[in-house]
Amino acid sequence: MTHLEHAEQLRRDPQGRHYNCAQSVLVPFARELGLTEEQAYQLGSCFGSGMLHGATCGALSAALMVAGMKGCDTQQAAAMIHQFRDDHGATDCAALLATVRERNIPRKEHCDGLVLEMVAKLDQLPPSRP
């Protein structure tokens, strides 16, 4: 299963365990990061909903964690943040959700899209450095 397929599976299972946006980005990469899926789930637990208070998007926060573990430097991380802001108009969860409410886009649909976007971007990064 690819990272993207794994993230899609985590986001679409309404009867299973809830995975917030950060967890949905972290868990598919757990093995490569030297974590169990449970450890990745726990690591991301306080980063959903913008660190639980509308701050930085959990999908973006988790993507930066994975990028760091894959050996990305601060310039690459800054580029990821700037691209996210350019694409979505903000990086904080509260502003992102306010925009989608104005556009009548369902929150889950919006957040699923951000999760899948960040997982796809991470897959485009070079493999982890030893």
N, C-alpha and C. Protein backbone atom coordinates (compact mmCIF):
# COMPACT_ATOMS: atom_id res chain seq x y z
N MET A 1 0.86 -1.18 0.00
CA MET A 1 0.00 0.00 0.00
C MET A 1 0.90 1.24 0.00
N THR A 2 0.57 2.20 -0.83
CA THR A 2 1.35 3.44 -0.89
C THR A 2 0.99 4.33 0.31
N HIS A 3 1.82 5.35 0.53
CA HIS A 3 1.52 6.31 1.60
C HIS A 3 0.17 6.97 1.36
N LEU A 4 -0.08 7.34 0.11
CA LEU A 4 -1.33 8.02 -0.23
C LEU A 4 -2.53 7.10 0.00
N GLU A 5 -2.43 5.86 -0.42
CA GLU A 5 -3.51 4.90 -0.19
C GLU A 5 -3.74 4.69 1.31
N HIS A 6 -2.66 4.64 2.07
CA HIS A 6 -2.78 4.45 3.52
C HIS A 6 -3.50 5.65 4.14
N ALA A 7 -3.10 6.87 3.74
CA ALA A 7 -3.76 8.07 4.26
C ALA A 7 -5.24 8.10 3.88
N GLU A 8 -5.55 7.74 2.64
CA GLU A 8 -6.95 7.69 2.20
C GLU A 8 -7.74 6.71 3.06
N GLN A 9 -7.15 5.57 3.34
CA GLN A 9 -7.82 4.56 4.14
C GLN A 9 -8.09 5.09 5.56
N LEU A 10 -7.11 5.74 6.14
CA LEU A 10 -7.28 6.29 7.50
C LEU A 10 -8.38 7.33 7.54
N ARG A 11 -8.49 8.15 6.50
CA ARG A 11 -9.46 9.25 6.47
C ARG A 11 -10.87 8.77 6.16
N ARG A 12 -11.03 7.63 5.50
CA ARG A 12 -12.38 7.24 5.08
C ARG A 12 -13.06 6.23 5.98
N ASP A 13 -12.40 5.72 7.00
CA ASP A 13 -13.00 4.70 7.85
C ASP A 13 -13.82 5.34 8.97
N PRO A 14 -15.14 5.54 8.76
CA PRO A 14 -15.95 6.22 9.76
C PRO A 14 -16.23 5.36 10.99
N GLN A 15 -16.10 4.06 10.88
CA GLN A 15 -16.38 3.16 12.00
C GLN A 15 -15.14 2.84 12.82
N GLY A 16 -13.99 3.12 12.27
CA GLY A 16 -12.75 2.76 12.95
C GLY A 16 -12.26 3.87 13.87
N ARG A 17 -11.04 3.79 14.23
CA ARG A 17 -10.37 4.76 15.09
C ARG A 17 -10.29 6.10 14.37
N HIS A 18 -10.50 7.19 15.09
CA HIS A 18 -10.41 8.52 14.48
C HIS A 18 -8.94 8.92 14.36
N TYR A 19 -8.57 9.37 13.18
CA TYR A 19 -7.24 9.89 12.91
C TYR A 19 -7.40 11.36 12.56
N ASN A 20 -6.81 12.25 13.35
CA ASN A 20 -6.86 13.67 13.00
C ASN A 20 -5.95 13.91 11.80
N CYS A 21 -5.90 15.16 11.34
CA CYS A 21 -5.14 15.46 10.13
C CYS A 21 -3.65 15.18 10.31
N ALA A 22 -3.09 15.52 11.46
CA ALA A 22 -1.67 15.27 11.70
C ALA A 22 -1.37 13.77 11.75
N GLN A 23 -2.18 13.04 12.46
CA GLN A 23 -2.00 11.59 12.55
C GLN A 23 -2.12 10.94 11.17
N SER A 24 -3.03 11.47 10.35
CA SER A 24 -3.26 10.90 9.02
C SER A 24 -2.08 11.12 8.09
N VAL A 25 -1.25 12.11 8.39
CA VAL A 25 -0.01 12.33 7.62
C VAL A 25 1.12 11.50 8.22
N LEU A 26 1.23 11.46 9.53
CA LEU A 26 2.34 10.78 10.19
C LEU A 26 2.28 9.25 10.07
N VAL A 27 1.12 8.66 10.30
CA VAL A 27 1.02 7.21 10.38
C VAL A 27 1.48 6.50 9.10
N PRO A 28 1.13 6.97 7.91
CA PRO A 28 1.62 6.28 6.71
C PRO A 28 3.15 6.25 6.58
N PHE A 29 3.84 7.18 7.20
CA PHE A 29 5.30 7.26 7.12
C PHE A 29 5.98 6.65 8.35
N ALA A 30 5.22 6.11 9.28
CA ALA A 30 5.76 5.65 10.56
C ALA A 30 6.97 4.73 10.40
N ARG A 31 6.83 3.71 9.63
CA ARG A 31 7.90 2.72 9.50
C ARG A 31 9.21 3.37 9.03
N GLU A 32 9.11 4.23 8.02
CA GLU A 32 10.31 4.89 7.51
C GLU A 32 10.96 5.81 8.54
N LEU A 33 10.15 6.31 9.45
CA LEU A 33 10.65 7.23 10.47
C LEU A 33 11.15 6.50 11.72
N GLY A 34 11.08 5.18 11.70
CA GLY A 34 11.54 4.40 12.84
C GLY A 34 10.54 4.35 13.97
N LEU A 35 9.27 4.56 13.64
CA LEU A 35 8.20 4.56 14.63
C LEU A 35 7.23 3.42 14.34
N THR A 36 6.54 3.00 15.37
CA THR A 36 5.40 2.13 15.13
C THR A 36 4.23 3.02 14.73
N GLU A 37 3.20 2.44 14.17
CA GLU A 37 2.02 3.23 13.83
C GLU A 37 1.40 3.82 15.10
N GLU A 38 1.44 3.09 16.19
CA GLU A 38 0.89 3.59 17.45
C GLU A 38 1.69 4.80 17.95
N GLN A 39 3.00 4.75 17.81
CA GLN A 39 3.82 5.90 18.22
C GLN A 39 3.53 7.12 17.34
N ALA A 40 3.37 6.90 16.05
CA ALA A 40 3.04 8.01 15.14
C ALA A 40 1.67 8.58 15.48
N TYR A 41 0.72 7.70 15.81
CA TYR A 41 -0.61 8.13 16.21
C TYR A 41 -0.53 8.99 17.47
N GLN A 42 0.24 8.55 18.44
CA GLN A 42 0.39 9.32 19.68
C GLN A 42 1.12 10.63 19.43
N LEU A 43 2.16 10.61 18.61
CA LEU A 43 2.91 11.83 18.30
C LEU A 43 2.00 12.90 17.72
N GLY A 44 1.10 12.51 16.84
CA GLY A 44 0.22 13.48 16.19
C GLY A 44 -1.03 13.85 16.97
N SER A 45 -1.24 13.22 18.11
CA SER A 45 -2.51 13.38 18.83
C SER A 45 -2.83 14.82 19.23
N CYS A 46 -1.85 15.63 19.50
CA CYS A 46 -2.11 17.02 19.94
C CYS A 46 -1.89 18.05 18.84
N PHE A 47 -1.73 17.59 17.60
CA PHE A 47 -1.49 18.52 16.50
C PHE A 47 -2.70 18.70 15.59
N GLY A 48 -3.75 17.92 15.78
CA GLY A 48 -4.96 18.10 14.99
C GLY A 48 -5.67 19.38 15.37
N SER A 49 -6.52 19.87 14.49
CA SER A 49 -7.27 21.11 14.71
C SER A 49 -6.34 22.27 15.05
N GLY A 50 -5.23 22.31 14.38
CA GLY A 50 -4.30 23.41 14.60
C GLY A 50 -3.75 23.44 16.01
N MET A 51 -3.15 22.31 16.41
CA MET A 51 -2.60 22.16 17.76
C MET A 51 -3.67 22.36 18.81
N LEU A 52 -4.86 21.89 18.47
CA LEU A 52 -6.03 21.90 19.35
C LEU A 52 -6.62 23.28 19.60
N HIS A 53 -6.10 24.32 18.92
CA HIS A 53 -6.65 25.65 19.14
C HIS A 53 -6.64 26.55 17.90
N GLY A 54 -6.66 25.96 16.73
CA GLY A 54 -6.78 26.73 15.50
C GLY A 54 -5.49 27.32 14.97
N ALA A 55 -4.34 26.91 15.51
CA ALA A 55 -3.05 27.43 15.04
C ALA A 55 -2.64 26.68 13.77
N THR A 56 -1.38 26.42 13.57
CA THR A 56 -0.88 25.82 12.34
C THR A 56 -1.60 24.51 12.01
N CYS A 57 -2.01 24.41 10.77
CA CYS A 57 -2.71 23.22 10.25
C CYS A 57 -1.95 21.95 10.64
N GLY A 58 -2.68 20.97 11.16
CA GLY A 58 -2.07 19.71 11.58
C GLY A 58 -1.44 18.94 10.44
N ALA A 59 -2.03 19.00 9.26
CA ALA A 59 -1.45 18.30 8.10
C ALA A 59 -0.10 18.92 7.75
N LEU A 60 -0.02 20.24 7.81
CA LEU A 60 1.24 20.93 7.53
C LEU A 60 2.26 20.64 8.63
N SER A 61 1.85 20.72 9.89
CA SER A 61 2.77 20.44 11.00
C SER A 61 3.36 19.04 10.87
N ALA A 62 2.51 18.06 10.62
CA ALA A 62 2.99 16.68 10.49
C ALA A 62 3.89 16.52 9.27
N ALA A 63 3.55 17.18 8.18
CA ALA A 63 4.39 17.10 6.98
C ALA A 63 5.79 17.66 7.28
N LEU A 64 5.85 18.72 8.06
CA LEU A 64 7.15 19.28 8.42
C LEU A 64 7.94 18.31 9.31
N MET A 65 7.25 17.59 10.19
CA MET A 65 7.93 16.58 11.02
C MET A 65 8.53 15.49 10.14
N VAL A 66 7.72 14.99 9.21
CA VAL A 66 8.20 13.93 8.31
C VAL A 66 9.34 14.46 7.45
N ALA A 67 9.19 15.66 6.92
CA ALA A 67 10.24 16.25 6.08
C ALA A 67 11.55 16.37 6.86
N GLY A 68 11.47 16.79 8.11
CA GLY A 68 12.66 16.89 8.93
C GLY A 68 13.34 15.54 9.11
N MET A 69 12.53 14.52 9.35
CA MET A 69 13.08 13.18 9.52
C MET A 69 13.64 12.62 8.21
N LYS A 70 13.16 13.13 7.09
CA LYS A 70 13.67 12.70 5.79
C LYS A 70 14.93 13.49 5.41
N GLY A 71 15.36 14.40 6.29
CA GLY A 71 16.61 15.12 6.05
C GLY A 71 16.46 16.47 5.38
N CYS A 72 15.24 16.98 5.27
CA CYS A 72 15.05 18.30 4.66
C CYS A 72 15.66 19.37 5.56
N ASP A 73 16.20 20.38 4.93
CA ASP A 73 16.76 21.49 5.70
C ASP A 73 15.71 22.58 5.89
N THR A 74 16.08 23.63 6.60
CA THR A 74 15.12 24.69 6.91
C THR A 74 14.67 25.44 5.66
N GLN A 75 15.52 25.53 4.66
CA GLN A 75 15.10 26.20 3.41
C GLN A 75 14.01 25.39 2.71
N GLN A 76 14.16 24.08 2.69
CA GLN A 76 13.14 23.23 2.08
C GLN A 76 11.84 23.30 2.88
N ALA A 77 11.95 23.32 4.20
CA ALA A 77 10.77 23.42 5.05
C ALA A 77 10.07 24.75 4.83
N ALA A 78 10.85 25.83 4.77
CA ALA A 78 10.27 27.16 4.53
C ALA A 78 9.56 27.20 3.19
N ALA A 79 10.14 26.56 2.18
CA ALA A 79 9.51 26.52 0.86
C ALA A 79 8.17 25.77 0.92
N MET A 80 8.12 24.69 1.72
CA MET A 80 6.88 23.93 1.88
C MET A 80 5.81 24.81 2.52
N ILE A 81 6.19 25.57 3.54
CA ILE A 81 5.26 26.46 4.22
C ILE A 81 4.76 27.55 3.28
N HIS A 82 5.68 28.17 2.57
CA HIS A 82 5.31 29.25 1.64
C HIS A 82 4.39 28.73 0.53
N GLN A 83 4.68 27.54 0.01
CA GLN A 83 3.83 26.97 -1.03
C GLN A 83 2.44 26.68 -0.50
N PHE A 84 2.36 26.16 0.72
CA PHE A 84 1.07 25.88 1.35
C PHE A 84 0.28 27.19 1.48
N ARG A 85 0.93 28.23 1.98
CA ARG A 85 0.26 29.52 2.15
C ARG A 85 -0.19 30.09 0.80
N ASP A 86 0.66 29.98 -0.20
CA ASP A 86 0.30 30.47 -1.54
C ASP A 86 -0.91 29.70 -2.09
N ASP A 87 -0.93 28.40 -1.87
CA ASP A 87 -2.01 27.56 -2.40
C ASP A 87 -3.33 27.75 -1.65
N HIS A 88 -3.25 28.03 -0.34
CA HIS A 88 -4.46 28.02 0.48
C HIS A 88 -4.77 29.34 1.17
N GLY A 89 -3.90 30.32 1.05
CA GLY A 89 -4.17 31.64 1.61
C GLY A 89 -3.84 31.80 3.08
N ALA A 90 -3.48 30.72 3.75
CA ALA A 90 -3.15 30.77 5.17
C ALA A 90 -2.49 29.45 5.55
N THR A 91 -1.90 29.42 6.74
CA THR A 91 -1.36 28.17 7.27
C THR A 91 -2.07 27.76 8.55
N ASP A 92 -2.84 28.66 9.13
CA ASP A 92 -3.49 28.32 10.40
C ASP A 92 -4.88 27.73 10.16
N CYS A 93 -5.18 26.74 10.95
CA CYS A 93 -6.41 25.97 10.84
C CYS A 93 -7.65 26.86 10.90
N ALA A 94 -7.68 27.79 11.84
CA ALA A 94 -8.87 28.63 12.01
C ALA A 94 -9.17 29.42 10.74
N ALA A 95 -8.15 30.02 10.13
CA ALA A 95 -8.36 30.79 8.90
C ALA A 95 -8.75 29.88 7.74
N LEU A 96 -8.12 28.74 7.64
CA LEU A 96 -8.45 27.79 6.58
C LEU A 96 -9.90 27.34 6.69
N LEU A 97 -10.33 27.04 7.90
CA LEU A 97 -11.71 26.57 8.10
C LEU A 97 -12.72 27.70 7.90
N ALA A 98 -12.36 28.92 8.25
CA ALA A 98 -13.27 30.05 8.02
C ALA A 98 -13.51 30.22 6.52
N THR A 99 -12.46 30.06 5.74
CA THR A 99 -12.59 30.19 4.29
C THR A 99 -13.48 29.11 3.71
N VAL A 100 -13.29 27.87 4.17
CA VAL A 100 -14.12 26.79 3.60
C VAL A 100 -15.57 26.91 4.05
N ARG A 101 -15.79 27.44 5.26
CA ARG A 101 -17.18 27.67 5.70
C ARG A 101 -17.85 28.69 4.78
N GLU A 102 -17.13 29.76 4.45
CA GLU A 102 -17.67 30.79 3.55
C GLU A 102 -18.01 30.20 2.19
N ARG A 103 -17.26 29.22 1.77
CA ARG A 103 -17.46 28.59 0.45
C ARG A 103 -18.38 27.37 0.51
N ASN A 104 -18.91 27.08 1.70
CA ASN A 104 -19.79 25.92 1.91
C ASN A 104 -19.14 24.59 1.53
N ILE A 105 -17.87 24.48 1.82
CA ILE A 105 -17.15 23.23 1.59
C ILE A 105 -17.16 22.47 2.92
N PRO A 106 -17.56 21.21 2.92
CA PRO A 106 -17.56 20.45 4.17
C PRO A 106 -16.15 20.35 4.76
N ARG A 107 -16.07 20.50 6.08
CA ARG A 107 -14.79 20.48 6.77
C ARG A 107 -14.01 19.20 6.48
N LYS A 108 -14.67 18.06 6.57
CA LYS A 108 -13.96 16.79 6.35
C LYS A 108 -13.38 16.73 4.94
N GLU A 109 -14.15 17.15 3.97
CA GLU A 109 -13.67 17.16 2.58
C GLU A 109 -12.42 18.03 2.45
N HIS A 110 -12.48 19.21 3.05
CA HIS A 110 -11.34 20.14 3.01
C HIS A 110 -10.11 19.53 3.69
N CYS A 111 -10.29 19.03 4.91
CA CYS A 111 -9.16 18.49 5.67
C CYS A 111 -8.60 17.23 5.00
N ASP A 112 -9.47 16.38 4.47
CA ASP A 112 -9.00 15.21 3.73
C ASP A 112 -8.11 15.65 2.57
N GLY A 113 -8.52 16.69 1.87
CA GLY A 113 -7.74 17.19 0.75
C GLY A 113 -6.36 17.67 1.17
N LEU A 114 -6.30 18.38 2.30
CA LEU A 114 -5.00 18.87 2.79
C LEU A 114 -4.10 17.71 3.20
N VAL A 115 -4.67 16.71 3.86
CA VAL A 115 -3.90 15.53 4.25
C VAL A 115 -3.31 14.86 3.01
N LEU A 116 -4.14 14.60 2.03
CA LEU A 116 -3.67 13.89 0.83
C LEU A 116 -2.65 14.73 0.06
N GLU A 117 -2.86 16.03 0.02
CA GLU A 117 -1.90 16.93 -0.64
C GLU A 117 -0.54 16.86 0.04
N MET A 118 -0.51 16.90 1.36
CA MET A 118 0.77 16.89 2.07
C MET A 118 1.45 15.53 1.95
N VAL A 119 0.70 14.45 1.99
CA VAL A 119 1.29 13.12 1.81
C VAL A 119 1.90 13.02 0.42
N ALA A 120 1.21 13.52 -0.59
CA ALA A 120 1.74 13.47 -1.96
C ALA A 120 3.02 14.30 -2.06
N LYS A 121 3.06 15.47 -1.43
CA LYS A 121 4.27 16.29 -1.45
C LYS A 121 5.44 15.58 -0.76
N LEU A 122 5.15 14.91 0.34
CA LEU A 122 6.21 14.17 1.04
C LEU A 122 6.74 13.03 0.19
N ASP A 123 5.88 12.41 -0.58
CA ASP A 123 6.33 11.33 -1.47
C ASP A 123 7.25 11.84 -2.57
N GLN A 124 7.19 13.12 -2.85
CA GLN A 124 8.06 13.70 -3.88
C GLN A 124 9.44 14.06 -3.35
N LEU A 125 9.61 14.04 -2.02
CA LEU A 125 10.91 14.34 -1.43
C LEU A 125 11.86 13.17 -1.65
N PRO A 126 13.15 13.46 -1.68
CA PRO A 126 14.11 12.35 -1.79
C PRO A 126 14.06 11.46 -0.55
N PRO A 127 14.52 10.22 -0.68
CA PRO A 127 14.51 9.30 0.46
C PRO A 127 15.30 9.86 1.64
N SER A 128 15.01 9.34 2.81
CA SER A 128 15.68 9.76 4.04
C SER A 128 17.18 9.57 3.94
N ARG A 129 17.88 10.50 4.58
CA ARG A 129 19.33 10.35 4.68
C ARG A 129 19.63 9.47 5.90
N PRO A 130 20.71 8.69 5.82
CA PRO A 130 21.06 7.85 6.97
C PRO A 130 21.53 8.67 8.17
